[in-house]
Amino acid sequence: MSEFQLYFLLGKDHILDYANGYDHILFVVALCAIYLTRDWKKILILVTAFTIGHSITLALATLEVISVNAELIEFLIPLTIFITAFGNLFRKEENFMNKPVQTNYMLALTFGLIHGMGFSNYLKAILGKDHSIVTQLLAFNLGLEFGQIVIVGIFMVCSFVLVDIISVSRRDWKMVISSAIAGISLILMKDKIYW
């Protein structure tokens, strides 16, 4: 197995590891909760904006250009999940569906910066003292993106079945998913209070 494949798989597995990556899974699902399957282009832009954000800070923190307080980041990650999920509860469909550039894209990019700092400790631990890490960073981030797309795909299939086939109200689907994620994120925030 090549080094690129190894780091790609590490990135993918880090996201899809529901026991350790559940906070990331919750955030990705919260981002997608207001969309339906027919919105796949918007979802792809949203997830990619998030990946770009966390790729920037992941690279900067791994290369030790920036230094982060790990305990603060561990608290901020569930806070970003809460803000996203709670915001979904008050978002009206007509306010975001027809806009070419949505505030969600900027939110995903900004919150991606925070999540990337959370990944940096994990990536630094597996990189060790390796000085040439461009390939590893690229492969790891592509693996993360692939894992996120898998999560989004599974969520959107569930959404399609429930909303488009079984006829659950789009509003009810959004409210149940977002409320559940907001509640879980409050518990995570309580567990990660750093002061």
Protein backbone atom coordinates (compact mmCIF):
# COMPACT_ATOMS: atom_id res chain seq x y z
CA MET A 1 0.00 0.00 0.00
CA SER A 2 1.34 3.42 -0.93
CA GLU A 3 1.75 6.23 1.59
CA PHE A 4 -1.02 8.18 -0.19
CA GLN A 5 -3.43 5.25 0.16
CA LEU A 6 -2.49 4.81 3.80
CA TYR A 7 -3.26 8.43 4.73
CA PHE A 8 -6.40 8.47 2.57
CA LEU A 9 -7.68 5.45 4.50
CA LEU A 10 -6.71 7.05 7.82
CA GLY A 11 -8.75 10.15 6.92
CA LYS A 12 -11.72 8.11 5.74
CA ASP A 13 -11.65 5.82 8.76
CA HIS A 14 -11.26 8.74 11.16
CA ILE A 15 -14.58 10.17 9.93
CA LEU A 16 -16.44 6.89 9.61
CA ASP A 17 -15.38 5.67 13.06
CA TYR A 18 -18.71 6.32 14.76
CA ALA A 19 -17.26 5.52 18.19
CA ASN A 20 -14.60 8.26 17.97
CA GLY A 21 -15.81 10.46 15.10
CA TYR A 22 -19.41 10.84 16.21
CA ASP A 23 -19.02 14.59 16.77
CA HIS A 24 -17.95 15.05 13.17
CA ILE A 25 -20.77 12.83 11.93
CA LEU A 26 -23.26 14.89 13.98
CA PHE A 27 -21.93 18.12 12.47
CA VAL A 28 -22.14 16.86 8.88
CA VAL A 29 -25.69 15.60 9.45
CA ALA A 30 -26.66 18.93 11.07
CA LEU A 31 -25.34 20.75 8.00
CA CYS A 32 -27.45 18.55 5.72
CA ALA A 33 -30.63 18.38 7.82
CA ILE A 34 -32.33 21.25 5.99
CA TYR A 35 -31.74 19.80 2.52
CA LEU A 36 -33.37 17.09 0.46
CA THR A 37 -31.91 14.71 -2.10
CA ARG A 38 -32.70 17.08 -4.99
CA ASP A 39 -30.43 19.65 -3.31
CA TRP A 40 -27.35 17.42 -3.82
CA LYS A 41 -25.30 20.17 -5.52
CA LYS A 42 -25.80 22.54 -2.59
CA ILE A 43 -24.93 19.73 -0.17
CA LEU A 44 -21.73 18.96 -2.08
CA ILE A 45 -20.72 22.65 -1.97
CA LEU A 46 -21.52 22.74 1.75
CA VAL A 47 -19.46 19.66 2.60
CA THR A 48 -16.58 20.86 0.40
CA ALA A 49 -16.63 24.29 2.10
CA PHE A 50 -16.36 22.49 5.43
CA THR A 51 -13.46 20.38 4.12
CA ILE A 52 -11.64 23.48 2.83
CA GLY A 53 -12.00 25.12 6.24
CA HIS A 54 -10.70 22.19 8.22
CA SER A 55 -7.96 21.50 5.66
CA ILE A 56 -6.55 25.02 6.18
CA THR A 57 -6.29 24.82 9.95
CA LEU A 58 -5.34 21.15 9.89
CA ALA A 59 -2.35 22.02 7.72
CA LEU A 60 -1.43 25.12 9.74
CA ALA A 61 -1.68 23.35 13.10
CA THR A 62 0.07 20.20 11.89
CA LEU A 63 2.92 22.29 10.46
CA GLU A 64 2.94 24.20 13.79
CA VAL A 65 2.27 27.56 12.10
CA ILE A 66 -0.56 28.06 14.59
CA SER A 67 -0.87 26.69 18.08
CA VAL A 68 -4.22 25.71 19.57
CA ASN A 69 -5.49 25.01 23.05
CA ALA A 70 -6.76 21.44 22.62
CA GLU A 71 -9.24 21.74 25.50
CA LEU A 72 -10.76 24.91 24.03
CA ILE A 73 -11.11 23.28 20.61
CA GLU A 74 -12.70 20.19 22.17
CA PHE A 75 -15.34 22.51 23.66
CA LEU A 76 -15.80 24.60 20.50
CA ILE A 77 -16.47 21.57 18.29
CA PRO A 78 -19.76 20.62 20.03
CA LEU A 79 -20.59 24.34 20.22
CA THR A 80 -20.40 24.53 16.40
CA ILE A 81 -22.65 21.47 16.21
CA PHE A 82 -25.16 23.10 18.55
CA ILE A 83 -25.17 26.42 16.65
CA THR A 84 -25.71 24.64 13.34
CA ALA A 85 -28.48 22.34 14.60
CA PHE A 86 -30.20 25.06 16.65
CA GLY A 87 -30.06 27.45 13.69
CA ASN A 88 -31.81 24.84 11.54
CA LEU A 89 -34.83 24.98 13.84
CA PHE A 90 -35.50 28.60 12.87
CA ARG A 91 -34.45 28.52 9.23
CA LYS A 92 -37.33 28.96 6.83
CA GLU A 93 -37.17 27.01 3.60
CA GLU A 94 -37.92 29.96 1.35
CA ASN A 95 -35.07 31.95 2.94
CA PHE A 96 -32.30 29.65 1.76
CA MET A 97 -33.42 27.40 -1.08
CA ASN A 98 -33.21 29.93 -3.93
CA LYS A 99 -30.08 31.83 -2.95
CA PRO A 100 -26.96 30.95 -4.99
CA VAL A 101 -24.58 31.75 -2.12
CA GLN A 102 -25.99 30.71 1.20
CA THR A 103 -24.89 31.73 4.67
CA ASN A 104 -24.60 28.01 5.39
CA TYR A 105 -21.57 27.84 3.07
CA MET A 106 -19.72 30.49 5.08
CA LEU A 107 -20.82 28.86 8.33
CA ALA A 108 -19.49 25.49 7.14
CA LEU A 109 -16.19 27.04 6.07
CA THR A 110 -15.79 28.92 9.36
CA PHE A 111 -16.73 25.97 11.54
CA GLY A 112 -14.47 23.80 9.41
CA LEU A 113 -11.56 25.93 10.63
CA ILE A 114 -12.39 24.92 14.22
CA HIS A 115 -12.86 21.24 13.40
CA GLY A 116 -9.54 21.17 11.53
CA MET A 117 -7.71 22.25 14.65
CA GLY A 118 -9.33 19.33 16.46
CA PHE A 119 -7.94 16.90 13.88
CA SER A 120 -4.43 18.34 14.08
CA ASN A 121 -3.42 16.53 17.28
CA TYR A 122 -4.53 13.22 15.79
CA LEU A 123 -2.64 13.83 12.56
CA LYS A 124 0.50 15.08 14.34
CA ALA A 125 0.51 11.90 16.41
CA ILE A 126 0.48 9.65 13.35
CA LEU A 127 2.94 11.76 11.32
CA GLY A 128 5.61 11.79 13.99
CA LYS A 129 8.71 13.74 12.96
CA ASP A 130 8.15 13.44 9.21
CA HIS A 131 9.15 16.76 7.59
CA SER A 132 7.59 16.18 4.16
CA ILE A 133 3.88 16.07 4.91
CA VAL A 134 2.20 17.67 1.89
CA THR A 135 1.22 14.32 0.36
CA GLN A 136 0.03 12.99 3.71
CA LEU A 137 -2.09 16.11 4.36
CA LEU A 138 -3.65 15.95 0.90
CA ALA A 139 -4.40 12.23 1.19
CA PHE A 140 -5.79 12.59 4.72
CA ASN A 141 -8.07 15.48 3.68
CA LEU A 142 -9.29 13.61 0.60
CA GLY A 143 -10.06 10.65 2.87
CA LEU A 144 -11.99 12.96 5.21
CA GLU A 145 -13.95 14.36 2.26
CA PHE A 146 -14.74 10.87 0.99
CA GLY A 147 -15.91 9.82 4.46
CA GLN A 148 -18.12 12.89 4.71
CA ILE A 149 -19.69 12.11 1.34
CA VAL A 150 -20.45 8.58 2.55
CA ILE A 151 -22.15 10.01 5.66
CA VAL A 152 -24.10 12.52 3.56
CA GLY A 153 -25.10 9.76 1.13
CA ILE A 154 -26.49 7.56 3.90
CA PHE A 155 -28.32 10.49 5.48
CA MET A 156 -29.78 11.62 2.17
CA VAL A 157 -31.04 8.09 1.38
CA CYS A 158 -32.83 8.10 4.76
CA SER A 159 -34.20 11.55 3.98
CA PHE A 160 -35.40 10.44 0.54
CA VAL A 161 -37.15 7.37 1.94
CA LEU A 162 -38.86 9.24 4.78
CA VAL A 163 -39.71 12.54 3.08
CA ASP A 164 -40.14 11.63 -0.60
CA ILE A 165 -41.52 8.09 -0.32
CA ILE A 166 -43.23 7.82 3.09
CA SER A 167 -44.26 11.52 2.96
CA VAL A 168 -42.96 12.68 6.32
CA SER A 169 -43.17 16.47 6.36
CA ARG A 170 -39.89 18.14 5.38
CA ARG A 171 -40.32 20.53 8.30
CA ASP A 172 -40.88 17.67 10.77
CA TRP A 173 -37.82 15.79 9.45
CA LYS A 174 -35.66 18.89 9.85
CA MET A 175 -37.03 19.62 13.32
CA VAL A 176 -36.56 16.09 14.67
CA ILE A 177 -33.02 15.65 13.31
CA SER A 178 -31.90 19.15 14.31
CA SER A 179 -33.47 18.96 17.79
CA ALA A 180 -31.84 15.60 18.48
CA ILE A 181 -28.43 16.84 17.35
CA ALA A 182 -28.78 20.09 19.33
CA GLY A 183 -29.61 18.08 22.45
CA ILE A 184 -26.68 15.70 21.99
CA SER A 185 -24.32 18.62 21.38
CA LEU A 186 -25.40 20.25 24.66
CA ILE A 187 -24.38 17.07 26.48
CA LEU A 188 -21.06 17.04 24.61
CA MET A 189 -20.47 20.70 25.53
CA LYS A 190 -21.15 19.94 29.19
CA ASP A 191 -18.63 17.09 29.07
CA LYS A 192 -16.00 19.27 27.37
CA ILE A 193 -16.17 22.42 29.48
CA TYR A 194 -12.56 23.50 29.78
CA TRP A 195 -12.71 26.26 32.40
